[in-house]
Amino acid sequence: MSYNWNWGVLLQDPYFGWVWSGLGWTCAVAVAAWVIAFALGSVIGVLRTLPNPTARAIGAGYVELFRNIPLLMQMFLWYFVVPELLPRDVGFYVKKQMPLPEYWTAVVCLGLYTSARVAEQVRSGINAIRQGQRYAALALGLTPVQVYRYVLVPVSYRIIIPPLTSEFLGVFKNSSLALTIGVLELTAQARQIEEYTFQGFEAFTAATVLYCVITAIVMGLMQVVESNSRIPGMISLGAK
Protein backbone atom coordinates (compact mmCIF):
# COMPACT_ATOMS: atom_id res chain seq x y z
CA MET A 1 0.00 0.00 0.00
CA SER A 2 1.23 3.50 -0.83
CA TYR A 3 1.09 6.20 1.82
CA ASN A 4 -0.34 9.58 0.88
CA TRP A 5 2.24 12.01 2.26
CA ASN A 6 0.94 15.45 3.19
CA TRP A 7 3.44 17.53 5.15
CA GLY A 8 1.37 20.64 4.60
CA VAL A 9 -1.22 19.38 7.06
CA LEU A 10 1.12 20.39 9.90
CA LEU A 11 0.89 24.02 8.78
CA GLN A 12 -2.89 24.05 8.63
CA ASP A 13 -5.14 25.41 11.33
CA PRO A 14 -5.65 24.09 14.00
CA TYR A 15 -2.94 21.43 13.70
CA PHE A 16 -0.04 23.89 13.64
CA GLY A 17 -1.30 25.40 16.88
CA TRP A 18 -1.72 21.97 18.43
CA VAL A 19 1.93 21.10 17.83
CA TRP A 20 3.21 24.28 19.47
CA SER A 21 0.72 24.01 22.30
CA GLY A 22 1.93 20.47 22.94
CA LEU A 23 5.54 21.62 22.94
CA GLY A 24 4.67 24.34 25.43
CA TRP A 25 2.98 21.89 27.80
CA THR A 26 5.91 19.48 27.46
CA CYS A 27 8.35 22.21 28.49
CA ALA A 28 6.06 23.36 31.30
CA VAL A 29 5.82 19.86 32.76
CA ALA A 30 9.53 19.14 32.37
CA VAL A 31 10.80 22.41 33.85
CA ALA A 32 8.44 22.37 36.85
CA ALA A 33 9.20 18.71 37.54
CA TRP A 34 12.94 19.41 37.31
CA VAL A 35 12.69 22.15 39.94
CA ILE A 36 11.15 19.63 42.34
CA ALA A 37 13.58 16.89 41.35
CA PHE A 38 16.70 19.02 41.73
CA ALA A 39 15.71 20.58 45.06
CA LEU A 40 14.39 17.43 46.71
CA GLY A 41 17.03 15.19 45.14
CA SER A 42 19.79 17.38 46.54
CA VAL A 43 18.36 17.06 50.05
CA ILE A 44 17.95 13.29 49.79
CA GLY A 45 21.43 12.94 48.29
CA VAL A 46 22.95 14.82 51.21
CA LEU A 47 21.01 12.66 53.68
CA ARG A 48 22.56 9.57 52.13
CA THR A 49 26.07 10.83 52.92
CA LEU A 50 25.53 11.93 56.53
CA PRO A 51 27.18 9.95 59.35
CA ASN A 52 23.76 9.57 61.03
CA PRO A 53 22.45 6.06 60.21
CA THR A 54 18.82 7.15 60.56
CA ALA A 55 19.27 9.92 58.00
CA ARG A 56 20.99 7.51 55.62
CA ALA A 57 18.17 4.97 56.06
CA ILE A 58 15.51 7.60 55.29
CA GLY A 59 17.38 8.66 52.17
CA ALA A 60 17.92 5.08 51.03
CA GLY A 61 14.26 4.19 51.61
CA TYR A 62 13.10 7.17 49.59
CA VAL A 63 15.39 6.33 46.68
CA GLU A 64 14.45 2.66 46.60
CA LEU A 65 10.73 3.45 46.79
CA PHE A 66 10.56 5.90 43.92
CA ARG A 67 13.29 4.45 41.74
CA ASN A 68 12.01 0.87 41.70
CA ILE A 69 8.35 1.52 40.81
CA PRO A 70 7.71 2.05 37.08
CA LEU A 71 6.98 5.67 36.26
CA LEU A 72 3.75 4.85 34.45
CA MET A 73 2.49 3.00 37.52
CA GLN A 74 3.39 5.99 39.70
CA MET A 75 1.53 8.30 37.35
CA PHE A 76 -1.63 6.22 37.71
CA LEU A 77 -1.23 5.93 41.48
CA TRP A 78 -0.89 9.67 41.94
CA TYR A 79 -3.83 10.47 39.67
CA PHE A 80 -6.33 7.71 40.45
CA VAL A 81 -5.41 6.31 43.88
CA VAL A 82 -3.85 9.03 46.04
CA PRO A 83 -6.90 11.38 45.89
CA GLU A 84 -9.07 8.52 47.16
CA LEU A 85 -6.79 8.09 50.19
CA LEU A 86 -7.01 11.74 51.20
CA PRO A 87 -9.77 13.18 53.42
CA ARG A 88 -13.02 13.52 51.49
CA ASP A 89 -12.96 17.29 51.01
CA VAL A 90 -9.27 17.36 50.14
CA GLY A 91 -9.64 14.49 47.68
CA PHE A 92 -12.62 16.18 46.03
CA TYR A 93 -10.63 19.39 45.65
CA VAL A 94 -7.67 17.55 44.13
CA LYS A 95 -9.87 15.67 41.64
CA LYS A 96 -12.47 18.28 40.72
CA GLN A 97 -11.71 21.79 41.92
CA MET A 98 -7.94 22.18 41.74
CA PRO A 99 -6.87 24.06 38.58
CA LEU A 100 -5.23 21.76 36.03
CA PRO A 101 -5.18 18.59 38.19
CA GLU A 102 -3.66 16.51 35.36
CA TYR A 103 -0.78 18.95 34.95
CA TRP A 104 0.06 19.20 38.64
CA THR A 105 -0.23 15.45 39.10
CA ALA A 106 2.22 14.88 36.26
CA VAL A 107 4.62 17.49 37.66
CA VAL A 108 4.60 16.04 41.17
CA CYS A 109 4.87 12.44 39.98
CA LEU A 110 7.68 13.13 37.54
CA GLY A 111 9.48 15.39 40.02
CA LEU A 112 9.45 12.83 42.83
CA TYR A 113 10.48 9.99 40.51
CA THR A 114 13.40 11.97 39.10
CA SER A 115 14.44 13.29 42.53
CA ALA A 116 15.38 9.74 43.51
CA ARG A 117 17.72 9.56 40.54
CA VAL A 118 19.14 13.04 41.21
CA ALA A 119 19.76 12.00 44.82
CA GLU A 120 22.00 9.18 43.65
CA GLN A 121 23.94 11.57 41.44
CA VAL A 122 24.42 14.02 44.31
CA ARG A 123 25.48 11.22 46.65
CA SER A 124 28.01 9.98 44.10
CA GLY A 125 29.36 13.50 43.60
CA ILE A 126 29.85 14.05 47.33
CA ASN A 127 31.49 10.65 47.78
CA ALA A 128 33.85 11.44 44.88
CA ILE A 129 35.34 14.33 46.86
CA ARG A 130 38.46 13.37 48.78
CA GLN A 131 38.06 13.17 52.53
CA GLY A 132 40.91 15.64 52.88
CA GLN A 133 38.67 18.49 51.76
CA ARG A 134 36.13 17.64 54.45
CA TYR A 135 38.81 17.43 57.12
CA ALA A 136 40.43 20.66 55.97
CA ALA A 137 37.10 22.50 56.18
CA LEU A 138 36.50 21.15 59.69
CA ALA A 139 40.03 22.11 60.68
CA LEU A 140 39.30 25.69 59.59
CA GLY A 141 36.47 25.80 62.12
CA LEU A 142 33.49 25.21 59.82
CA THR A 143 30.54 23.33 61.26
CA PRO A 144 29.35 20.14 59.50
CA VAL A 145 26.44 22.10 58.01
CA GLN A 146 28.83 24.74 56.69
CA VAL A 147 31.11 22.05 55.27
CA TYR A 148 28.24 20.73 53.18
CA ARG A 149 26.98 24.18 52.26
CA TYR A 150 30.27 25.79 51.25
CA VAL A 151 32.48 22.86 50.24
CA LEU A 152 30.93 19.47 49.53
CA VAL A 153 27.65 20.32 47.78
CA PRO A 154 29.00 23.09 45.49
CA VAL A 155 31.95 20.95 44.42
CA SER A 156 29.75 17.89 43.88
CA TYR A 157 27.45 19.86 41.57
CA ARG A 158 30.41 20.75 39.37
CA ILE A 159 31.42 17.09 39.22
CA ILE A 160 27.99 15.72 38.29
CA ILE A 161 26.97 18.18 35.57
CA PRO A 162 27.04 15.48 32.83
CA PRO A 163 24.76 13.00 34.66
CA LEU A 164 22.48 15.82 35.78
CA THR A 165 22.17 16.82 32.12
CA SER A 166 21.09 13.27 31.32
CA GLU A 167 18.55 13.35 34.12
CA PHE A 168 17.04 16.60 32.84
CA LEU A 169 16.77 15.14 29.36
CA GLY A 170 15.11 12.12 30.96
CA VAL A 171 12.53 14.39 32.59
CA PHE A 172 11.86 16.04 29.26
CA LYS A 173 11.33 12.72 27.50
CA ASN A 174 9.42 11.07 30.35
CA SER A 175 6.95 13.95 30.27
CA SER A 176 5.35 12.14 27.33
CA LEU A 177 3.77 9.75 29.85
CA ALA A 178 1.63 12.64 31.08
CA LEU A 179 -0.64 11.97 28.10
CA THR A 180 -1.93 8.88 29.97
CA ILE A 181 -3.69 11.12 32.51
CA GLY A 182 -4.91 13.72 30.03
CA VAL A 183 -2.11 16.28 29.65
CA LEU A 184 -2.06 17.42 26.02
CA GLU A 185 1.71 17.58 25.70
CA LEU A 186 3.64 17.05 22.47
CA THR A 187 3.12 13.30 22.06
CA ALA A 188 -0.57 13.60 22.91
CA GLN A 189 -1.02 16.34 20.33
CA ALA A 190 0.75 14.22 17.70
CA ARG A 191 -1.67 11.39 18.42
CA GLN A 192 -4.60 13.80 18.21
CA ILE A 193 -3.44 15.09 14.83
CA GLU A 194 -3.14 11.49 13.61
CA GLU A 195 -6.69 10.74 14.74
CA TYR A 196 -8.09 13.81 12.97
CA THR A 197 -6.09 13.62 9.73
CA PHE A 198 -4.76 10.04 9.49
CA GLN A 199 -1.34 11.60 8.79
CA GLY A 200 0.48 9.77 11.58
CA PHE A 201 3.93 9.77 9.99
CA GLU A 202 3.95 13.53 9.59
CA ALA A 203 2.63 14.22 13.08
CA PHE A 204 5.04 11.93 14.90
CA THR A 205 7.97 12.98 12.72
CA ALA A 206 7.34 16.59 13.68
CA ALA A 207 7.18 15.62 17.36
CA THR A 208 10.39 13.64 17.04
CA VAL A 209 12.21 16.55 15.41
CA LEU A 210 11.07 18.92 18.16
CA TYR A 211 12.24 16.51 20.86
CA CYS A 212 15.62 16.26 19.14
CA VAL A 213 15.93 20.04 18.79
CA ILE A 214 15.19 20.67 22.47
CA THR A 215 17.60 17.92 23.46
CA ALA A 216 20.36 19.34 21.28
CA ILE A 217 19.84 22.84 22.71
CA VAL A 218 20.03 21.56 26.30
CA MET A 219 23.13 19.49 25.58
CA GLY A 220 24.86 22.45 23.92
CA LEU A 221 24.10 24.77 26.84
CA MET A 222 25.23 22.24 29.43
CA GLN A 223 28.49 21.59 27.57
CA VAL A 224 29.22 25.30 27.83
CA VAL A 225 28.38 25.26 31.55
CA GLU A 226 30.53 22.19 32.08
CA SER A 227 33.53 23.61 30.25
CA ASN A 228 33.39 26.75 32.41
CA SER A 229 32.95 24.90 35.72
CA ARG A 230 35.13 21.83 35.20
CA ILE A 231 37.43 20.98 38.11
CA PRO A 232 40.85 19.73 36.94
CA GLY A 233 41.51 16.21 38.08
CA MET A 234 37.88 15.41 38.88
CA ILE A 235 35.58 13.08 36.94
CA SER A 236 33.82 15.12 34.26
CA LEU A 237 32.61 14.61 30.71
CA GLY A 238 35.27 15.83 28.31
CA ALA A 239 37.93 16.26 31.00
CA LYS A 240 41.40 16.03 29.58
C-alpha atoms as a PDB file:
ATOM      1  CA  MET A   1       0.000   0.000   0.000  1.00  0.00           C
ATOM      2  CA  SER A   2       1.230   3.496  -0.830  1.00  0.00           C
ATOM      3  CA  TYR A   3       1.088   6.201   1.819  1.00  0.00           C
ATOM      4  CA  ASN A   4      -0.339   9.581   0.885  1.00  0.00           C
ATOM      5  CA  TRP A   5       2.244  12.014   2.260  1.00  0.00           C
ATOM      6  CA  ASN A   6       0.939  15.446   3.190  1.00  0.00           C
ATOM      7  CA  TRP A   7       3.438  17.527   5.148  1.00  0.00           C
ATOM      8  CA  GLY A   8       1.374  20.637   4.597  1.00  0.00           C
ATOM      9  CA  VAL A   9      -1.220  19.384   7.065  1.00  0.00           C
ATOM     10  CA  LEU A  10       1.121  20.388   9.900  1.00  0.00           C
ATOM     11  CA  LEU A  11       0.888  24.019   8.779  1.00  0.00           C
ATOM     12  CA  GLN A  12      -2.887  24.050   8.627  1.00  0.00           C
ATOM     13  CA  ASP A  13      -5.143  25.412  11.331  1.00  0.00           C
ATOM     14  CA  PRO A  14      -5.650  24.092  13.998  1.00  0.00           C
ATOM     15  CA  TYR A  15      -2.938  21.426  13.703  1.00  0.00           C
ATOM     16  CA  PHE A  16      -0.041  23.886  13.643  1.00  0.00           C
ATOM     17  CA  GLY A  17      -1.302  25.401  16.885  1.00  0.00           C
ATOM     18  CA  TRP A  18      -1.724  21.970  18.434  1.00  0.00           C
ATOM     19  CA  VAL A  19       1.928  21.103  17.827  1.00  0.00           C
ATOM     20  CA  TRP A  20       3.214  24.279  19.467  1.00  0.00           C
ATOM     21  CA  SER A  21       0.721  24.011  22.298  1.00  0.00           C
ATOM     22  CA  GLY A  22       1.932  20.466  22.936  1.00  0.00           C
ATOM     23  CA  LEU A  23       5.538  21.620  22.939  1.00  0.00           C
ATOM     24  CA  GLY A  24       4.670  24.338  25.434  1.00  0.00           C
ATOM     25  CA  TRP A  25       2.981  21.888  27.796  1.00  0.00           C
ATOM     26  CA  THR A  26       5.910  19.480  27.465  1.00  0.00           C
ATOM     27  CA  CYS A  27       8.348  22.210  28.488  1.00  0.00           C
ATOM     28  CA  ALA A  28       6.056  23.361  31.301  1.00  0.00           C
ATOM     29  CA  VAL A  29       5.816  19.862  32.764  1.00  0.00           C
ATOM     30  CA  ALA A  30       9.531  19.142  32.371  1.00  0.00           C
ATOM     31  CA  VAL A  31      10.800  22.414  33.853  1.00  0.00           C
ATOM     32  CA  ALA A  32       8.438  22.370  36.847  1.00  0.00           C
ATOM     33  CA  ALA A  33       9.199  18.713  37.540  1.00  0.00           C
ATOM     34  CA  TRP A  34      12.939  19.408  37.308  1.00  0.00           C
ATOM     35  CA  VAL A  35      12.693  22.153  39.937  1.00  0.00           C
ATOM     36  CA  ILE A  36      11.145  19.628  42.339  1.00  0.00           C
ATOM     37  CA  ALA A  37      13.582  16.885  41.348  1.00  0.00           C
ATOM     38  CA  PHE A  38      16.704  19.019  41.730  1.00  0.00           C
ATOM     39  CA  ALA A  39      15.713  20.581  45.058  1.00  0.00           C
ATOM     40  CA  LEU A  40      14.393  17.429  46.706  1.00  0.00           C
ATOM     41  CA  GLY A  41      17.029  15.195  45.139  1.00  0.00           C
ATOM     42  CA  SER A  42      19.790  17.383  46.541  1.00  0.00           C
ATOM     43  CA  VAL A  43      18.357  17.059  50.045  1.00  0.00           C
ATOM     44  CA  ILE A  44      17.946  13.288  49.787  1.00  0.00           C
ATOM     45  CA  GLY A  45      21.428  12.935  48.289  1.00  0.00           C
ATOM     46  CA  VAL A  46      22.953  14.815  51.213  1.00  0.00           C
ATOM     47  CA  LEU A  47      21.007  12.664  53.682  1.00  0.00           C
ATOM     48  CA  ARG A  48      22.564   9.567  52.134  1.00  0.00           C
ATOM     49  CA  THR A  49      26.072  10.832  52.922  1.00  0.00           C
ATOM     50  CA  LEU A  50      25.530  11.925  56.535  1.00  0.00           C
ATOM     51  CA  PRO A  51      27.177   9.948  59.347  1.00  0.00           C
ATOM     52  CA  ASN A  52      23.760   9.567  61.031  1.00  0.00           C
ATOM     53  CA  PRO A  53      22.450   6.056  60.210  1.00  0.00           C
ATOM     54  CA  THR A  54      18.816   7.153  60.562  1.00  0.00           C
ATOM     55  CA  ALA A  55      19.268   9.918  58.004  1.00  0.00           C
ATOM     56  CA  ARG A  56      20.987   7.512  55.619  1.00  0.00           C
ATOM     57  CA  ALA A  57      18.170   4.974  56.062  1.00  0.00           C
ATOM     58  CA  ILE A  58      15.515   7.603  55.294  1.00  0.00           C
ATOM     59  CA  GLY A  59      17.382   8.657  52.168  1.00  0.00           C
ATOM     60  CA  ALA A  60      17.918   5.077  51.026  1.00  0.00           C
ATOM     61  CA  GLY A  61      14.259   4.186  51.615  1.00  0.00           C
ATOM     62  CA  TYR A  62      13.097   7.173  49.585  1.00  0.00           C
ATOM     63  CA  VAL A  63      15.395   6.333  46.684  1.00  0.00           C
ATOM     64  CA  GLU A  64      14.451   2.664  46.603  1.00  0.00           C
ATOM     65  CA  LEU A  65      10.730   3.448  46.794  1.00  0.00           C
ATOM     66  CA  PHE A  66      10.555   5.901  43.916  1.00  0.00           C
ATOM     67  CA  ARG A  67      13.293   4.450  41.741  1.00  0.00           C
ATOM     68  CA  ASN A  68      12.006   0.871  41.701  1.00  0.00           C
ATOM     69  CA  ILE A  69       8.351   1.516  40.810  1.00  0.00           C
ATOM     70  CA  PRO A  70       7.706   2.053  37.079  1.00  0.00           C
ATOM     71  CA  LEU A  71       6.984   5.673  36.261  1.00  0.00           C
ATOM     72  CA  LEU A  72       3.752   4.848  34.446  1.00  0.00           C
ATOM     73  CA  MET A  73       2.489   3.004  37.521  1.00  0.00           C
ATOM     74  CA  GLN A  74       3.394   5.986  39.704  1.00  0.00           C
ATOM     75  CA  MET A  75       1.528   8.298  37.348  1.00  0.00           C
ATOM     76  CA  PHE A  76      -1.631   6.220  37.708  1.00  0.00           C
ATOM     77  CA  LEU A  77      -1.226   5.931  41.481  1.00  0.00           C
ATOM     78  CA  TRP A  78      -0.885   9.672  41.938  1.00  0.00           C
ATOM     79  CA  TYR A  79      -3.832  10.472  39.666  1.00  0.00           C
ATOM     80  CA  PHE A  80      -6.329   7.713  40.450  1.00  0.00           C
ATOM     81  CA  VAL A  81      -5.407   6.308  43.878  1.00  0.00           C
ATOM     82  CA  VAL A  82      -3.852   9.029  46.040  1.00  0.00           C
ATOM     83  CA  PRO A  83      -6.903  11.383  45.887  1.00  0.00           C
ATOM     84  CA  GLU A  84      -9.066   8.521  47.163  1.00  0.00           C
ATOM     85  CA  LEU A  85      -6.793   8.088  50.190  1.00  0.00           C
ATOM     86  CA  LEU A  86      -7.015  11.742  51.204  1.00  0.00           C
ATOM     87  CA  PRO A  87      -9.769  13.177  53.417  1.00  0.00           C
ATOM     88  CA  ARG A  88     -13.016  13.516  51.489  1.00  0.00           C
ATOM     89  CA  ASP A  89     -12.956  17.288  51.013  1.00  0.00           C
ATOM     90  CA  VAL A  90      -9.270  17.361  50.135  1.00  0.00           C
ATOM     91  CA  GLY A  91      -9.638  14.491  47.684  1.00  0.00           C
ATOM     92  CA  PHE A  92     -12.618  16.175  46.026  1.00  0.00           C
ATOM     93  CA  TYR A  93     -10.628  19.389  45.648  1.00  0.00           C
ATOM     94  CA  VAL A  94      -7.673  17.548  44.128  1.00  0.00           C
ATOM     95  CA  LYS A  95      -9.870  15.674  41.639  1.00  0.00           C
ATOM     96  CA  LYS A  96     -12.467  18.276  40.724  1.00  0.00           C
ATOM     97  CA  GLN A  97     -11.713  21.790  41.925  1.00  0.00           C
ATOM     98  CA  MET A  98      -7.942  22.179  41.738  1.00  0.00           C
ATOM     99  CA  PRO A  99      -6.869  24.061  38.581  1.00  0.00           C
ATOM    100  CA  LEU A 100      -5.230  21.761  36.029  1.00  0.00           C
ATOM    101  CA  PRO A 101      -5.178  18.592  38.189  1.00  0.00           C
ATOM    102  CA  GLU A 102      -3.659  16.515  35.365  1.00  0.00           C
ATOM    103  CA  TYR A 103      -0.779  18.949  34.950  1.00  0.00           C
ATOM    104  CA  TRP A 104       0.064  19.199  38.637  1.00  0.00           C
ATOM    105  CA  THR A 105      -0.234  15.448  39.104  1.00  0.00           C
ATOM    106  CA  ALA A 106       2.220  14.884  36.257  1.00  0.00           C
ATOM    107  CA  VAL A 107       4.623  17.493  37.658  1.00  0.00           C
ATOM    108  CA  VAL A 108       4.605  16.042  41.174  1.00  0.00           C
ATOM    109  CA  CYS A 109       4.871  12.445  39.983  1.00  0.00           C
ATOM    110  CA  LEU A 110       7.683  13.134  37.541  1.00  0.00           C
ATOM    111  CA  GLY A 111       9.481  15.386  40.021  1.00  0.00           C
ATOM    112  CA  LEU A 112       9.454  12.827  42.825  1.00  0.00           C
ATOM    113  CA  TYR A 113      10.481   9.994  40.512  1.00  0.00           C
ATOM    114  CA  THR A 114      13.400  11.966  39.103  1.00  0.00           C
ATOM    115  CA  SER A 115      14.445  13.290  42.525  1.00  0.00           C
ATOM    116  CA  ALA A 116      15.380   9.739  43.514  1.00  0.00           C
ATOM    117  CA  ARG A 117      17.723   9.557  40.536  1.00  0.00           C
ATOM    118  CA  VAL A 118      19.139  13.036  41.206  1.00  0.00           C
ATOM    119  CA  ALA A 119      19.756  12.001  44.821  1.00  0.00           C
ATOM    120  CA  GLU A 120      22.002   9.179  43.654  1.00  0.00           C
ATOM    121  CA  GLN A 121      23.944  11.573  41.440  1.00  0.00           C
ATOM    122  CA  VAL A 122      24.416  14.025  44.313  1.00  0.00           C
ATOM    123  CA  ARG A 123      25.485  11.216  46.648  1.00  0.00           C
ATOM    124  CA  SER A 124      28.011   9.978  44.099  1.00  0.00           C
ATOM    125  CA  GLY A 125      29.355  13.496  43.600  1.00  0.00           C
ATOM    126  CA  ILE A 126      29.846  14.052  47.329  1.00  0.00           C
ATOM    127  CA  ASN A 127      31.495  10.652  47.779  1.00  0.00           C
ATOM    128  CA  ALA A 128      33.852  11.437  44.884  1.00  0.00           C
ATOM    129  CA  ILE A 129      35.344  14.328  46.856  1.00  0.00           C
ATOM    130  CA  ARG A 130      38.457  13.371  48.781  1.00  0.00           C
ATOM    131  CA  GLN A 131      38.064  13.174  52.535  1.00  0.00           C
ATOM    132  CA  GLY A 132      40.913  15.638  52.882  1.00  0.00           C
ATOM    133  CA  GLN A 133      38.668  18.489  51.756  1.00  0.00           C
ATOM    134  CA  ARG A 134      36.125  17.643  54.454  1.00  0.00           C
ATOM    135  CA  TYR A 135      38.809  17.432  57.124  1.00  0.00           C
ATOM    136  CA  ALA A 136      40.428  20.660  55.967  1.00  0.00           C
ATOM    137  CA  ALA A 137      37.104  22.496  56.180  1.00  0.00           C
ATOM    138  CA  LEU A 138      36.499  21.150  59.685  1.00  0.00           C
ATOM    139  CA  ALA A 139      40.033  22.110  60.684  1.00  0.00           C
ATOM    140  CA  LEU A 140      39.299  25.695  59.590  1.00  0.00           C
ATOM    141  CA  GLY A 141      36.470  25.803  62.116  1.00  0.00           C
ATOM    142  CA  LEU A 142      33.485  25.208  59.824  1.00  0.00           C
ATOM    143  CA  THR A 143      30.538  23.330  61.257  1.00  0.00           C
ATOM    144  CA  PRO A 144      29.354  20.137  59.504  1.00  0.00           C
ATOM    145  CA  VAL A 145      26.441  22.100  58.006  1.00  0.00           C
ATOM    146  CA  GLN A 146      28.826  24.735  56.690  1.00  0.00           C
ATOM    147  CA  VAL A 147      31.114  22.046  55.275  1.00  0.00           C
ATOM    148  CA  TYR A 148      28.240  20.732  53.176  1.00  0.00           C
ATOM    149  CA  ARG A 149      26.978  24.181  52.263  1.00  0.00           C
ATOM    150  CA  TYR A 150      30.266  25.794  51.247  1.00  0.00           C
ATOM    151  CA  VAL A 151      32.477  22.859  50.237  1.00  0.00           C
ATOM    152  CA  LEU A 152      30.934  19.474  49.526  1.00  0.00           C
ATOM    153  CA  VAL A 153      27.654  20.323  47.785  1.00  0.00           C
ATOM    154  CA  PRO A 154      28.999  23.095  45.487  1.00  0.00           C
ATOM    155  CA  VAL A 155      31.950  20.953  44.425  1.00  0.00           C
ATOM    156  CA  SER A 156      29.751  17.893  43.880  1.00  0.00           C
ATOM    157  CA  TYR A 157      27.449  19.858  41.565  1.00  0.00           C
ATOM    158  CA  ARG A 158      30.412  20.748  39.371  1.00  0.00           C
ATOM    159  CA  ILE A 159      31.419  17.093  39.216  1.00  0.00           C
ATOM    160  CA  ILE A 160      27.993  15.724  38.287  1.00  0.00           C
ATOM    161  CA  ILE A 161      26.973  18.179  35.569  1.00  0.00           C
ATOM    162  CA  PRO A 162      27.042  15.482  32.829  1.00  0.00           C
ATOM    163  CA  PRO A 163      24.759  12.999  34.658  1.00  0.00           C
ATOM    164  CA  LEU A 164      22.484  15.822  35.776  1.00  0.00           C
ATOM    165  CA  THR A 165      22.171  16.822  32.125  1.00  0.00           C
ATOM    166  CA  SER A 166      21.095  13.268  31.316  1.00  0.00           C
ATOM    167  CA  GLU A 167      18.551  13.345  34.122  1.00  0.00           C
ATOM    168  CA  PHE A 168      17.035  16.599  32.838  1.00  0.00           C
ATOM    169  CA  LEU A 169      16.768  15.136  29.357  1.00  0.00           C
ATOM    170  CA  GLY A 170      15.113  12.116  30.961  1.00  0.00           C
ATOM    171  CA  VAL A 171      12.532  14.387  32.585  1.00  0.00           C
ATOM    172  CA  PHE A 172      11.860  16.044  29.255  1.00  0.00           C
ATOM    173  CA  LYS A 173      11.328  12.722  27.495  1.00  0.00           C
ATOM    174  CA  ASN A 174       9.417  11.072  30.346  1.00  0.00           C
ATOM    175  CA  SER A 175       6.945  13.951  30.275  1.00  0.00           C
ATOM    176  CA  SER A 176       5.345  12.143  27.328  1.00  0.00           C
ATOM    177  CA  LEU A 177       3.775   9.745  29.851  1.00  0.00           C
ATOM    178  CA  ALA A 178       1.633  12.635  31.082  1.00  0.00           C
ATOM    179  CA  LEU A 179      -0.643  11.965  28.103  1.00  0.00           C
ATOM    180  CA  THR A 180      -1.931   8.883  29.969  1.00  0.00           C
ATOM    181  CA  ILE A 181      -3.691  11.121  32.507  1.00  0.00           C
ATOM    182  CA  GLY A 182      -4.913  13.724  30.031  1.00  0.00           C
ATOM    183  CA  VAL A 183      -2.106  16.283  29.652  1.00  0.00           C
ATOM    184  CA  LEU A 184      -2.060  17.425  26.020  1.00  0.00           C
ATOM    185  CA  GLU A 185       1.711  17.578  25.700  1.00  0.00           C
ATOM    186  CA  LEU A 186       3.640  17.049  22.468  1.00  0.00           C
ATOM    187  CA  THR A 187       3.116  13.305  22.063  1.00  0.00           C
ATOM    188  CA  ALA A 188      -0.572  13.602  22.910  1.00  0.00           C
ATOM    189  CA  GLN A 189      -1.021  16.345  20.326  1.00  0.00           C
ATOM    190  CA  ALA A 190       0.751  14.221  17.704  1.00  0.00           C
ATOM    191  CA  ARG A 191      -1.672  11.388  18.421  1.00  0.00           C
ATOM    192  CA  GLN A 192      -4.599  13.805  18.211  1.00  0.00           C
ATOM    193  CA  ILE A 193      -3.438  15.087  14.830  1.00  0.00           C
ATOM    194  CA  GLU A 194      -3.140  11.493  13.612  1.00  0.00           C
ATOM    195  CA  GLU A 195      -6.688  10.737  14.742  1.00  0.00           C
ATOM    196  CA  TYR A 196      -8.094  13.813  12.972  1.00  0.00           C
ATOM    197  CA  THR A 197      -6.094  13.622   9.733  1.00  0.00           C
ATOM    198  CA  PHE A 198      -4.757  10.043   9.488  1.00  0.00           C
ATOM    199  CA  GLN A 199      -1.337  11.599   8.785  1.00  0.00           C
ATOM    200  CA  GLY A 200       0.478   9.770  11.581  1.00  0.00           C
ATOM    201  CA  PHE A 201       3.934   9.774   9.988  1.00  0.00           C
ATOM    202  CA  GLU A 202       3.950  13.530   9.586  1.00  0.00           C
ATOM    203  CA  ALA A 203       2.634  14.223  13.085  1.00  0.00           C
ATOM    204  CA  PHE A 204       5.040  11.934  14.900  1.00  0.00           C
ATOM    205  CA  THR A 205       7.970  12.984  12.719  1.00  0.00           C
ATOM    206  CA  ALA A 206       7.338  16.594  13.680  1.00  0.00           C
ATOM    207  CA  ALA A 207       7.178  15.622  17.362  1.00  0.00           C
ATOM    208  CA  THR A 208      10.390  13.642  17.040  1.00  0.00           C
ATOM    209  CA  VAL A 209      12.208  16.546  15.412  1.00  0.00           C
ATOM    210  CA  LEU A 210      11.073  18.922  18.157  1.00  0.00           C
ATOM    211  CA  TYR A 211      12.236  16.506  20.862  1.00  0.00           C
ATOM    212  CA  CYS A 212      15.617  16.260  19.139  1.00  0.00           C
ATOM    213  CA  VAL A 213      15.928  20.043  18.786  1.00  0.00           C
ATOM    214  CA  ILE A 214      15.192  20.672  22.466  1.00  0.00           C
ATOM    215  CA  THR A 215      17.604  17.916  23.460  1.00  0.00           C
ATOM    216  CA  ALA A 216      20.358  19.335  21.281  1.00  0.00           C
ATOM    217  CA  ILE A 217      19.841  22.838  22.710  1.00  0.00           C
ATOM    218  CA  VAL A 218      20.027  21.558  26.299  1.00  0.00           C
ATOM    219  CA  MET A 219      23.133  19.491  25.578  1.00  0.00           C
ATOM    220  CA  GLY A 220      24.858  22.452  23.922  1.00  0.00           C
ATOM    221  CA  LEU A 221      24.099  24.767  26.842  1.00  0.00           C
ATOM    222  CA  MET A 222      25.231  22.236  29.428  1.00  0.00           C
ATOM    223  CA  GLN A 223      28.490  21.585  27.572  1.00  0.00           C
ATOM    224  CA  VAL A 224      29.221  25.304  27.834  1.00  0.00           C
ATOM    225  CA  VAL A 225      28.379  25.260  31.552  1.00  0.00           C
ATOM    226  CA  GLU A 226      30.530  22.189  32.085  1.00  0.00           C
ATOM    227  CA  SER A 227      33.534  23.606  30.251  1.00  0.00           C
ATOM    228  CA  ASN A 228      33.387  26.750  32.415  1.00  0.00           C
ATOM    229  CA  SER A 229      32.948  24.905  35.718  1.00  0.00           C
ATOM    230  CA  ARG A 230      35.131  21.829  35.201  1.00  0.00           C
ATOM    231  CA  ILE A 231      37.429  20.983  38.108  1.00  0.00           C
ATOM    232  CA  PRO A 232      40.851  19.734  36.941  1.00  0.00           C
ATOM    233  CA  GLY A 233      41.511  16.210  38.081  1.00  0.00           C
ATOM    234  CA  MET A 234      37.877  15.406  38.882  1.00  0.00           C
ATOM    235  CA  ILE A 235      35.579  13.083  36.943  1.00  0.00           C
ATOM    236  CA  SER A 236      33.820  15.117  34.259  1.00  0.00           C
ATOM    237  CA  LEU A 237      32.613  14.611  30.710  1.00  0.00           C
ATOM    238  CA  GLY A 238      35.267  15.827  28.311  1.00  0.00           C
ATOM    239  CA  ALA A 239      37.926  16.261  30.996  1.00  0.00           C
ATOM    240  CA  LYS A 240      41.404  16.027  29.580  1.00  0.00           C
END
